[in-house]
Amino acid sequence: VAFQMAAMYLGAAAGSAAGSALLDGGTDAGDLPAWSAA
């Protein structure tokens, strides 16, 4: 559980950073669900 939850929270931080990078790169916020679907 320690490894799992650590990975989940790190994933959340990475996902937030990735979303910020996509938006800064010109991706429309409405297109973010498609990236999450991948």
Full PDB file with SEQRES, HELIX, SHEET, SSBOND, CRYST1, ORIGX, SCALE, CONECT and MASTER records, all heavy atoms in Angstrom:
SEQRES   1 A   38  VAL ALA PHE GLN MET ALA ALA MET TYR LEU GLY ALA ALA          
SEQRES   2 A   38  ALA GLY SER ALA ALA GLY SER ALA LEU LEU ASP GLY GLY          
SEQRES   3 A   38  THR ASP ALA GLY ASP LEU PRO ALA TRP SER ALA ALA              
HELIX    1 AA1 ALA A    2  ASP A   24  1                                  23    
HELIX    2 AA2 ALA A   29  ASP A   31  5                                   3    
HELIX    3 AA3 LEU A   32  ALA A   37  1                                   6    
CRYST1    1.000    1.000    1.000  90.00  90.00  90.00 P 1           1          
ORIGX1      1.000000  0.000000  0.000000        0.00000                         
ORIGX2      0.000000  1.000000  0.000000        0.00000                         
ORIGX3      0.000000  0.000000  1.000000        0.00000                         
SCALE1      1.000000  0.000000  0.000000        0.00000                         
SCALE2      0.000000  1.000000  0.000000        0.00000                         
SCALE3      0.000000  0.000000  1.000000        0.00000                         
ATOM      1  N   VAL A   1       0.836  -1.208   0.000  1.00  0.00           N  
ATOM      2  CA  VAL A   1       0.000   0.000   0.000  1.00  0.00           C  
ATOM      3  C   VAL A   1       0.867   1.252   0.000  1.00  0.00           C  
ATOM      4  O   VAL A   1       0.534   2.259  -0.647  1.00  0.00           O  
ATOM      5  CB  VAL A   1      -0.954  -0.019   1.210  1.00  0.00           C  
ATOM      6  CG1 VAL A   1      -1.668   1.326   1.365  1.00  0.00           C  
ATOM      7  CG2 VAL A   1      -1.984  -1.138   1.053  1.00  0.00           C  
ATOM      8  N   ALA A   2       1.993   1.206   0.717  1.00  0.00           N  
ATOM      9  CA  ALA A   2       2.891   2.367   0.727  1.00  0.00           C  
ATOM     10  C   ALA A   2       3.381   2.683  -0.677  1.00  0.00           C  
ATOM     11  O   ALA A   2       3.370   3.844  -1.111  1.00  0.00           O  
ATOM     12  CB  ALA A   2       4.074   2.093   1.658  1.00  0.00           C  
ATOM     13  N   PHE A   3       3.818   1.659  -1.416  1.00  0.00           N  
ATOM     14  CA  PHE A   3       4.271   1.882  -2.792  1.00  0.00           C  
ATOM     15  C   PHE A   3       3.117   2.339  -3.684  1.00  0.00           C  
ATOM     16  O   PHE A   3       3.277   3.250  -4.508  1.00  0.00           O  
ATOM     17  CB  PHE A   3       4.893   0.599  -3.355  1.00  0.00           C  
ATOM     18  CG  PHE A   3       6.295   0.346  -2.897  1.00  0.00           C  
ATOM     19  CD1 PHE A   3       6.580  -0.718  -2.057  1.00  0.00           C  
ATOM     20  CD2 PHE A   3       7.341   1.175  -3.289  1.00  0.00           C  
ATOM     21  CE1 PHE A   3       7.879  -0.958  -1.621  1.00  0.00           C  
ATOM     22  CE2 PHE A   3       8.638   0.952  -2.861  1.00  0.00           C  
ATOM     23  CZ  PHE A   3       8.912  -0.122  -2.024  1.00  0.00           C  
ATOM     24  N   GLN A   4       1.960   1.714  -3.518  1.00  0.00           N  
ATOM     25  CA  GLN A   4       0.815   2.058  -4.372  1.00  0.00           C  
ATOM     26  C   GLN A   4       0.379   3.507  -4.180  1.00  0.00           C  
ATOM     27  O   GLN A   4       0.182   4.247  -5.141  1.00  0.00           O  
ATOM     28  CB  GLN A   4      -0.365   1.127  -4.074  1.00  0.00           C  
ATOM     29  CG  GLN A   4      -1.628   1.470  -4.863  1.00  0.00           C  
ATOM     30  CD  GLN A   4      -2.894   1.185  -4.077  1.00  0.00           C  
ATOM     31  OE1 GLN A   4      -2.849   0.841  -2.896  1.00  0.00           O  
ATOM     32  NE2 GLN A   4      -4.038   1.332  -4.711  1.00  0.00           N  
ATOM     33  N   MET A   5       0.216   3.921  -2.915  1.00  0.00           N  
ATOM     34  CA  MET A   5      -0.273   5.273  -2.662  1.00  0.00           C  
ATOM     35  C   MET A   5       0.781   6.322  -3.017  1.00  0.00           C  
ATOM     36  O   MET A   5       0.446   7.415  -3.492  1.00  0.00           O  
ATOM     37  CB  MET A   5      -0.688   5.403  -1.199  1.00  0.00           C  
ATOM     38  CG  MET A   5      -1.855   4.502  -0.809  1.00  0.00           C  
ATOM     39  SD  MET A   5      -3.348   4.785  -1.801  1.00  0.00           S  
ATOM     40  CE  MET A   5      -3.855   6.399  -1.190  1.00  0.00           C  
ATOM     41  N   ALA A   6       2.054   5.992  -2.794  1.00  0.00           N  
ATOM     42  CA  ALA A   6       3.109   6.915  -3.216  1.00  0.00           C  
ATOM     43  C   ALA A   6       3.063   7.113  -4.723  1.00  0.00           C  
ATOM     44  O   ALA A   6       3.165   8.245  -5.220  1.00  0.00           O  
ATOM     45  CB  ALA A   6       4.474   6.378  -2.793  1.00  0.00           C  
ATOM     46  N   ALA A   7       2.889   6.013  -5.466  1.00  0.00           N  
ATOM     47  CA  ALA A   7       2.812   6.112  -6.920  1.00  0.00           C  
ATOM     48  C   ALA A   7       1.593   6.906  -7.355  1.00  0.00           C  
ATOM     49  O   ALA A   7       1.649   7.702  -8.306  1.00  0.00           O  
ATOM     50  CB  ALA A   7       2.782   4.714  -7.529  1.00  0.00           C  
ATOM     51  N   MET A   8       0.472   6.718  -6.655  1.00  0.00           N  
ATOM     52  CA  MET A   8      -0.751   7.430  -7.033  1.00  0.00           C  
ATOM     53  C   MET A   8      -0.600   8.943  -6.839  1.00  0.00           C  
ATOM     54  O   MET A   8      -0.969   9.739  -7.705  1.00  0.00           O  
ATOM     55  CB  MET A   8      -1.931   6.920  -6.218  1.00  0.00           C  
ATOM     56  CG  MET A   8      -3.288   7.443  -6.693  1.00  0.00           C  
ATOM     57  SD  MET A   8      -4.663   6.858  -5.696  1.00  0.00           S  
ATOM     58  CE  MET A   8      -4.539   7.978  -4.283  1.00  0.00           C  
ATOM     59  N   TYR A   9      -0.033   9.343  -5.707  1.00  0.00           N  
ATOM     60  CA  TYR A   9       0.132  10.773  -5.458  1.00  0.00           C  
ATOM     61  C   TYR A   9       1.183  11.385  -6.395  1.00  0.00           C  
ATOM     62  O   TYR A   9       1.033  12.532  -6.845  1.00  0.00           O  
ATOM     63  CB  TYR A   9       0.498  11.017  -3.999  1.00  0.00           C  
ATOM     64  CG  TYR A   9      -0.708  11.068  -3.091  1.00  0.00           C  
ATOM     65  CD1 TYR A   9      -1.015  10.009  -2.253  1.00  0.00           C  
ATOM     66  CD2 TYR A   9      -1.565  12.163  -3.091  1.00  0.00           C  
ATOM     67  CE1 TYR A   9      -2.129  10.042  -1.423  1.00  0.00           C  
ATOM     68  CE2 TYR A   9      -2.674  12.210  -2.273  1.00  0.00           C  
ATOM     69  CZ  TYR A   9      -2.956  11.143  -1.436  1.00  0.00           C  
ATOM     70  OH  TYR A   9      -4.067  11.182  -0.630  1.00  0.00           O  
ATOM     71  N   LEU A  10       2.240  10.634  -6.689  1.00  0.00           N  
ATOM     72  CA  LEU A  10       3.208  11.127  -7.662  1.00  0.00           C  
ATOM     73  C   LEU A  10       2.570  11.240  -9.039  1.00  0.00           C  
ATOM     74  O   LEU A  10       2.844  12.194  -9.788  1.00  0.00           O  
ATOM     75  CB  LEU A  10       4.411  10.185  -7.714  1.00  0.00           C  
ATOM     76  CG  LEU A  10       5.367  10.241  -6.522  1.00  0.00           C  
ATOM     77  CD1 LEU A  10       6.447   9.163  -6.662  1.00  0.00           C  
ATOM     78  CD2 LEU A  10       6.011  11.620  -6.409  1.00  0.00           C  
ATOM     79  N   GLY A  11       1.721  10.272  -9.382  1.00  0.00           N  
ATOM     80  CA  GLY A  11       0.998  10.354 -10.649  1.00  0.00           C  
ATOM     81  C   GLY A  11       0.089  11.570 -10.714  1.00  0.00           C  
ATOM     82  O   GLY A  11      -0.009  12.233 -11.751  1.00  0.00           O  
ATOM     83  N   ALA A  12      -0.577  11.867  -9.586  1.00  0.00           N  
ATOM     84  CA  ALA A  12      -1.439  13.045  -9.554  1.00  0.00           C  
ATOM     85  C   ALA A  12      -0.643  14.322  -9.781  1.00  0.00           C  
ATOM     86  O   ALA A  12      -1.064  15.216 -10.535  1.00  0.00           O  
ATOM     87  CB  ALA A  12      -2.165  13.113  -8.215  1.00  0.00           C  
ATOM     88  N   ALA A  13       0.533  14.416  -9.134  1.00  0.00           N  
ATOM     89  CA  ALA A  13       1.381  15.594  -9.330  1.00  0.00           C  
ATOM     90  C   ALA A  13       1.858  15.677 -10.771  1.00  0.00           C  
ATOM     91  O   ALA A  13       1.873  16.761 -11.379  1.00  0.00           O  
ATOM     92  CB  ALA A  13       2.562  15.537  -8.375  1.00  0.00           C  
ATOM     93  N   ALA A  14       2.255  14.527 -11.341  1.00  0.00           N  
ATOM     94  CA  ALA A  14       2.710  14.518 -12.734  1.00  0.00           C  
ATOM     95  C   ALA A  14       1.572  14.856 -13.687  1.00  0.00           C  
ATOM     96  O   ALA A  14       1.771  15.558 -14.688  1.00  0.00           O  
ATOM     97  CB  ALA A  14       3.296  13.143 -13.077  1.00  0.00           C  
ATOM     98  N   GLY A  15       0.371  14.379 -13.377  1.00  0.00           N  
ATOM     99  CA  GLY A  15      -0.779  14.691 -14.228  1.00  0.00           C  
ATOM    100  C   GLY A  15      -1.124  16.161 -14.215  1.00  0.00           C  
ATOM    101  O   GLY A  15      -1.456  16.750 -15.251  1.00  0.00           O  
ATOM    102  N   SER A  16      -1.033  16.759 -13.034  1.00  0.00           N  
ATOM    103  CA  SER A  16      -1.288  18.198 -12.938  1.00  0.00           C  
ATOM    104  C   SER A  16      -0.253  18.983 -13.736  1.00  0.00           C  
ATOM    105  O   SER A  16      -0.579  19.938 -14.460  1.00  0.00           O  
ATOM    106  CB  SER A  16      -1.270  18.620 -11.473  1.00  0.00           C  
ATOM    107  OG  SER A  16      -1.481  20.004 -11.340  1.00  0.00           O  
ATOM    108  N   ALA A  17       1.019  18.568 -13.623  1.00  0.00           N  
ATOM    109  CA  ALA A  17       2.078  19.247 -14.374  1.00  0.00           C  
ATOM    110  C   ALA A  17       1.915  19.034 -15.874  1.00  0.00           C  
ATOM    111  O   ALA A  17       2.115  19.961 -16.675  1.00  0.00           O  
ATOM    112  CB  ALA A  17       3.439  18.727 -13.917  1.00  0.00           C  
ATOM    113  N   ALA A  18       1.528  17.813 -16.269  1.00  0.00           N  
ATOM    114  CA  ALA A  18       1.328  17.534 -17.699  1.00  0.00           C  
ATOM    115  C   ALA A  18       0.176  18.357 -18.261  1.00  0.00           C  
ATOM    116  O   ALA A  18       0.258  18.885 -19.385  1.00  0.00           O  
ATOM    117  CB  ALA A  18       1.067  16.042 -17.900  1.00  0.00           C  
ATOM    118  N   GLY A  19      -0.900  18.486 -17.492  1.00  0.00           N  
ATOM    119  CA  GLY A  19      -2.023  19.309 -17.946  1.00  0.00           C  
ATOM    120  C   GLY A  19      -1.619  20.759 -18.117  1.00  0.00           C  
ATOM    121  O   GLY A  19      -2.013  21.413 -19.091  1.00  0.00           O  
ATOM    122  N   SER A  20      -0.818  21.257 -17.176  1.00  0.00           N  
ATOM    123  CA  SER A  20      -0.338  22.635 -17.292  1.00  0.00           C  
ATOM    124  C   SER A  20       0.511  22.813 -18.542  1.00  0.00           C  
ATOM    125  O   SER A  20       0.386  23.813 -19.269  1.00  0.00           O  
ATOM    126  CB  SER A  20       0.463  22.998 -16.048  1.00  0.00           C  
ATOM    127  OG  SER A  20       0.995  24.301 -16.139  1.00  0.00           O  
ATOM    128  N   ALA A  21       1.381  21.824 -18.820  1.00  0.00           N  
ATOM    129  CA  ALA A  21       2.236  21.911 -19.998  1.00  0.00           C  
ATOM    130  C   ALA A  21       1.412  21.871 -21.286  1.00  0.00           C  
ATOM    131  O   ALA A  21       1.702  22.609 -22.250  1.00  0.00           O  
ATOM    132  CB  ALA A  21       3.250  20.765 -19.989  1.00  0.00           C  
ATOM    133  N   LEU A  22       0.375  21.033 -21.309  1.00  0.00           N  
ATOM    134  CA  LEU A  22      -0.483  20.964 -22.495  1.00  0.00           C  
ATOM    135  C   LEU A  22      -1.209  22.284 -22.724  1.00  0.00           C  
ATOM    136  O   LEU A  22      -1.297  22.772 -23.855  1.00  0.00           O  
ATOM    137  CB  LEU A  22      -1.493  19.827 -22.349  1.00  0.00           C  
ATOM    138  CG  LEU A  22      -0.935  18.398 -22.497  1.00  0.00           C  
ATOM    139  CD1 LEU A  22      -1.993  17.377 -22.081  1.00  0.00           C  
ATOM    140  CD2 LEU A  22      -0.501  18.153 -23.947  1.00  0.00           C  
ATOM    141  N   LEU A  23      -1.724  22.861 -21.650  1.00  0.00           N  
ATOM    142  CA  LEU A  23      -2.448  24.135 -21.790  1.00  0.00           C  
ATOM    143  C   LEU A  23      -1.499  25.248 -22.222  1.00  0.00           C  
ATOM    144  O   LEU A  23      -1.853  26.084 -23.066  1.00  0.00           O  
ATOM    145  CB  LEU A  23      -3.124  24.487 -20.466  1.00  0.00           C  
ATOM    146  CG  LEU A  23      -4.263  23.559 -20.023  1.00  0.00           C  
ATOM    147  CD1 LEU A  23      -4.819  24.013 -18.678  1.00  0.00           C  
ATOM    148  CD2 LEU A  23      -5.370  23.508 -21.064  1.00  0.00           C  
ATOM    149  N   ASP A  24      -0.283  25.265 -21.650  1.00  0.00           N  
ATOM    150  CA  ASP A  24       0.695  26.272 -22.051  1.00  0.00           C  
ATOM    151  C   ASP A  24       1.122  26.099 -23.500  1.00  0.00           C  
ATOM    152  O   ASP A  24       1.498  27.070 -24.168  1.00  0.00           O  
ATOM    153  CB  ASP A  24       1.932  26.192 -21.143  1.00  0.00           C  
ATOM    154  CG  ASP A  24       1.651  26.684 -19.736  1.00  0.00           C  
ATOM    155  OD1 ASP A  24       0.632  27.385 -19.552  1.00  0.00           O  
ATOM    156  OD2 ASP A  24       2.430  26.357 -18.818  1.00  0.00           O  
ATOM    157  N   GLY A  25       1.052  24.847 -23.996  1.00  0.00           N  
ATOM    158  CA  GLY A  25       1.422  24.576 -25.378  1.00  0.00           C  
ATOM    159  C   GLY A  25       0.320  24.845 -26.377  1.00  0.00           C  
ATOM    160  O   GLY A  25       0.511  24.593 -27.576  1.00  0.00           O  
ATOM    161  N   GLY A  26      -0.824  25.307 -25.905  1.00  0.00           N  
ATOM    162  CA  GLY A  26      -1.910  25.658 -26.818  1.00  0.00           C  
ATOM    163  C   GLY A  26      -3.053  24.672 -26.871  1.00  0.00           C  
ATOM    164  O   GLY A  26      -4.028  24.890 -27.598  1.00  0.00           O  
ATOM    165  N   THR A  27      -2.994  23.584 -26.105  1.00  0.00           N  
ATOM    166  CA  THR A  27      -4.099  22.624 -26.081  1.00  0.00           C  
ATOM    167  C   THR A  27      -5.310  23.244 -25.413  1.00  0.00           C  
ATOM    168  O   THR A  27      -5.198  23.907 -24.374  1.00  0.00           O  
ATOM    169  CB  THR A  27      -3.694  21.349 -25.320  1.00  0.00           C  
ATOM    170  OG1 THR A  27      -2.569  20.759 -25.968  1.00  0.00           O  
ATOM    171  CG2 THR A  27      -4.839  20.347 -25.264  1.00  0.00           C  
ATOM    172  N   ASP A  28      -6.476  23.061 -26.005  1.00  0.00           N  
ATOM    173  CA  ASP A  28      -7.710  23.563 -25.414  1.00  0.00           C  
ATOM    174  C   ASP A  28      -8.058  22.716 -24.190  1.00  0.00           C  
ATOM    175  O   ASP A  28      -7.914  21.493 -24.209  1.00  0.00           O  
ATOM    176  CB  ASP A  28      -8.843  23.490 -26.432  1.00  0.00           C  
ATOM    177  CG  ASP A  28     -10.112  24.154 -25.911  1.00  0.00           C  
ATOM    178  OD1 ASP A  28     -10.262  25.379 -26.076  1.00  0.00           O  
ATOM    179  OD2 ASP A  28     -10.949  23.433 -25.338  1.00  0.00           O  
ATOM    180  N   ALA A  29      -8.532  23.376 -23.116  1.00  0.00           N  
ATOM    181  CA  ALA A  29      -8.861  22.645 -21.897  1.00  0.00           C  
ATOM    182  C   ALA A  29      -9.931  21.588 -22.146  1.00  0.00           C  
ATOM    183  O   ALA A  29      -9.940  20.535 -21.501  1.00  0.00           O  
ATOM    184  CB  ALA A  29      -9.326  23.614 -20.809  1.00  0.00           C  
ATOM    185  N   GLY A  30     -10.816  21.832 -23.094  1.00  0.00           N  
ATOM    186  CA  GLY A  30     -11.850  20.860 -23.404  1.00  0.00           C  
ATOM    187  C   GLY A  30     -11.318  19.592 -24.031  1.00  0.00           C  
ATOM    188  O   GLY A  30     -12.032  18.574 -24.093  1.00  0.00           O  
ATOM    189  N   ASP A  31     -10.071  19.609 -24.494  1.00  0.00           N  
ATOM    190  CA  ASP A  31      -9.467  18.415 -25.100  1.00  0.00           C  
ATOM    191  C   ASP A  31      -8.701  17.558 -24.100  1.00  0.00           C  
ATOM    192  O   ASP A  31      -8.213  16.474 -24.450  1.00  0.00           O  
ATOM    193  CB  ASP A  31      -8.505  18.831 -26.228  1.00  0.00           C  
ATOM    194  CG  ASP A  31      -9.235  19.476 -27.392  1.00  0.00           C  
ATOM    195  OD1 ASP A  31     -10.410  19.150 -27.595  1.00  0.00           O  
ATOM    196  OD2 ASP A  31      -8.617  20.314 -28.084  1.00  0.00           O  
ATOM    197  N   LEU A  32      -8.588  18.009 -22.862  1.00  0.00           N  
ATOM    198  CA  LEU A  32      -7.828  17.245 -21.871  1.00  0.00           C  
ATOM    199  C   LEU A  32      -8.417  15.847 -21.599  1.00  0.00           C  
ATOM    200  O   LEU A  32      -7.661  14.895 -21.385  1.00  0.00           O  
ATOM    201  CB  LEU A  32      -7.718  18.037 -20.567  1.00  0.00           C  
ATOM    202  CG  LEU A  32      -6.847  19.299 -20.613  1.00  0.00           C  
ATOM    203  CD1 LEU A  32      -6.846  19.996 -19.252  1.00  0.00           C  
ATOM    204  CD2 LEU A  32      -5.417  18.952 -21.026  1.00  0.00           C  
ATOM    205  N   PRO A  33      -9.761  15.681 -21.579  1.00  0.00           N  
ATOM    206  CA  PRO A  33     -10.286  14.322 -21.374  1.00  0.00           C  
ATOM    207  C   PRO A  33      -9.813  13.320 -22.419  1.00  0.00           C  
ATOM    208  O   PRO A  33      -9.654  12.131 -22.107  1.00  0.00           O  
ATOM    209  CB  PRO A  33     -11.810  14.513 -21.435  1.00  0.00           C  
ATOM    210  CG  PRO A  33     -12.023  15.918 -21.005  1.00  0.00           C  
ATOM    211  CD  PRO A  33     -10.857  16.680 -21.573  1.00  0.00           C  
ATOM    212  N   ALA A  34      -9.591  13.775 -23.658  1.00  0.00           N  
ATOM    213  CA  ALA A  34      -9.103  12.857 -24.691  1.00  0.00           C  
ATOM    214  C   ALA A  34      -7.706  12.365 -24.348  1.00  0.00           C  
ATOM    215  O   ALA A  34      -7.376  11.184 -24.568  1.00  0.00           O  
ATOM    216  CB  ALA A  34      -9.105  13.552 -26.051  1.00  0.00           C  
ATOM    217  N   TRP A  35      -6.861  13.243 -23.801  1.00  0.00           N  
ATOM    218  CA  TRP A  35      -5.529  12.823 -23.374  1.00  0.00           C  
ATOM    219  C   TRP A  35      -5.626  11.831 -22.211  1.00  0.00           C  
ATOM    220  O   TRP A  35      -4.889  10.837 -22.170  1.00  0.00           O  
ATOM    221  CB  TRP A  35      -4.704  14.042 -22.959  1.00  0.00           C  
ATOM    222  CG  TRP A  35      -4.255  14.882 -24.112  1.00  0.00           C  
ATOM    223  CD1 TRP A  35      -4.919  15.929 -24.678  1.00  0.00           C  
ATOM    224  CD2 TRP A  35      -3.036  14.728 -24.853  1.00  0.00           C  
ATOM    225  NE1 TRP A  35      -4.197  16.451 -25.724  1.00  0.00           N  
ATOM    226  CE2 TRP A  35      -3.040  15.733 -25.858  1.00  0.00           C  
ATOM    227  CE3 TRP A  35      -1.963  13.866 -24.762  1.00  0.00           C  
ATOM    228  CZ2 TRP A  35      -1.995  15.876 -26.762  1.00  0.00           C  
ATOM    229  CZ3 TRP A  35      -0.917  14.001 -25.663  1.00  0.00           C  
ATOM    230  CH2 TRP A  35      -0.941  15.000 -26.650  1.00  0.00           C  
ATOM    231  N   SER A  36      -6.542  12.084 -21.281  1.00  0.00           N  
ATOM    232  CA  SER A  36      -6.716  11.150 -20.171  1.00  0.00           C  
ATOM    233  C   SER A  36      -7.269   9.810 -20.654  1.00  0.00           C  
ATOM    234  O   SER A  36      -6.955   8.760 -20.080  1.00  0.00           O  
ATOM    235  CB  SER A  36      -7.652  11.745 -19.117  1.00  0.00           C  
ATOM    236  OG  SER A  36      -6.982  12.728 -18.355  1.00  0.00           O  
ATOM    237  N   ALA A  37      -8.098   9.839 -21.707  1.00  0.00           N  
ATOM    238  CA  ALA A  37      -8.628   8.589 -22.252  1.00  0.00           C  
ATOM    239  C   ALA A  37      -7.504   7.709 -22.785  1.00  0.00           C  
ATOM    240  O   ALA A  37      -7.540   6.474 -22.656  1.00  0.00           O  
ATOM    241  CB  ALA A  37      -9.654   8.877 -23.343  1.00  0.00           C  
ATOM    242  N   ALA A  38      -6.487   8.341 -23.381  1.00  0.00           N  
ATOM    243  CA  ALA A  38      -5.339   7.559 -23.855  1.00  0.00           C  
ATOM    244  C   ALA A  38      -4.642   6.876 -22.678  1.00  0.00           C  
ATOM    245  O   ALA A  38      -4.284   5.692 -22.746  1.00  0.00           O  
ATOM    246  CB  ALA A  38      -4.368   8.469 -24.597  1.00  0.00           C  
TER     247      ALA A  38                                                      
MASTER        0    0    0    3    0    0    0    6  246    1    0    3          
END                                                                             
